[in-house]
Amino acid sequence: MACKKSDLISAINSFSAARVSEDQNLLNFSAQLLFQLMETLEFSPEEEVAEETPEEPVAIEEKTEKPALKRPRKKTAA
């Protein structure tokens, strides 16, 4: 039997609270509950994706000007 969305959310919240509290017993219990609910999830089959042939990369022209490097100014004592 599939689990309800509210049960799964409750288990996730319990697991999160257990992680924050660092209570090992609570963490073990909530992790076990979460895994039990995850085992009941039903997934639809994945759609098969047709294999695509890779396209050849198109050369991109540089339209921006490269900045001209300037010499750093000499520091002068003020």
Protein backbone atom coordinates (compact mmCIF):
# COMPACT_ATOMS: atom_id res chain seq x y z
CA MET A 1 0.00 0.00 0.00
CA ALA A 2 1.37 3.40 -0.96
CA CYS A 3 1.96 5.94 1.78
CA LYS A 4 0.11 9.23 2.03
CA LYS A 5 1.90 12.43 1.22
CA SER A 6 1.18 13.77 4.72
CA ASP A 7 2.75 10.66 6.31
CA LEU A 8 5.89 11.06 4.23
CA ILE A 9 6.18 14.77 5.06
CA SER A 10 5.68 14.01 8.74
CA ALA A 11 8.44 11.39 8.64
CA ILE A 12 10.81 13.81 6.88
CA ASN A 13 10.10 16.50 9.47
CA SER A 14 10.67 14.00 12.30
CA PHE A 15 13.97 12.95 10.76
CA SER A 16 15.04 16.61 10.37
CA ALA A 17 14.16 17.38 13.99
CA ALA A 18 16.09 14.30 15.14
CA ARG A 19 19.16 15.40 13.19
CA VAL A 20 19.05 18.85 14.74
CA SER A 21 18.54 17.51 18.28
CA GLU A 22 21.39 14.98 17.82
CA ASP A 23 19.36 12.41 19.80
CA GLN A 24 20.63 9.06 18.55
CA ASN A 25 17.56 7.05 19.59
CA LEU A 26 15.17 9.51 17.96
CA LEU A 27 17.37 9.64 14.86
CA ASN A 28 17.37 5.84 14.50
CA PHE A 29 13.61 5.62 14.96
CA SER A 30 12.82 8.43 12.51
CA ALA A 31 15.28 7.08 9.93
CA GLN A 32 13.68 3.63 10.14
CA LEU A 33 10.20 5.14 9.73
CA LEU A 34 11.33 7.23 6.78
CA PHE A 35 12.93 4.25 5.02
CA GLN A 36 9.81 2.14 5.57
CA LEU A 37 7.67 4.82 3.96
CA MET A 38 10.12 5.28 1.10
CA GLU A 39 9.91 1.56 0.33
CA THR A 40 6.16 1.91 -0.25
CA LEU A 41 6.54 4.67 -2.84
CA GLU A 42 5.40 3.66 -6.30
CA PHE A 43 7.09 5.15 -9.33
CA SER A 44 5.89 5.20 -12.88
CA PRO A 45 8.26 3.72 -15.47
CA GLU A 46 10.76 6.05 -17.07
CA GLU A 47 10.21 7.12 -20.64
CA GLU A 48 12.77 5.81 -23.05
CA VAL A 49 14.78 8.61 -24.59
CA ALA A 50 15.90 8.25 -28.17
CA GLU A 51 19.64 8.55 -28.49
CA GLU A 52 20.55 11.83 -30.13
CA THR A 53 23.52 12.29 -32.39
CA PRO A 54 25.82 15.03 -31.14
CA GLU A 55 25.94 18.11 -33.30
CA GLU A 56 29.22 19.58 -34.40
CA PRO A 57 30.13 22.66 -32.39
CA VAL A 58 29.68 25.93 -34.21
CA ALA A 59 32.53 28.42 -34.01
CA ILE A 60 31.51 31.64 -32.27
CA GLU A 61 33.07 34.86 -33.45
CA GLU A 62 34.44 37.23 -30.84
CA LYS A 63 32.57 40.51 -31.24
CA THR A 64 33.85 42.22 -28.12
CA GLU A 65 37.09 44.07 -27.99
CA LYS A 66 39.72 42.77 -25.66
CA PRO A 67 40.63 45.34 -23.00
CA ALA A 68 43.99 47.00 -23.39
CA LEU A 69 46.20 46.47 -20.39
CA LYS A 70 47.56 49.66 -18.87
CA ARG A 71 50.72 50.05 -16.90
CA PRO A 72 50.11 50.56 -13.21
CA ARG A 73 50.67 54.08 -11.96
CA LYS A 74 53.74 54.74 -9.88
CA LYS A 75 52.97 55.51 -6.29
CA THR A 76 54.09 58.95 -5.27
CA ALA A 77 54.64 60.07 -1.72
CA ALA A 78 52.07 62.62 -0.71
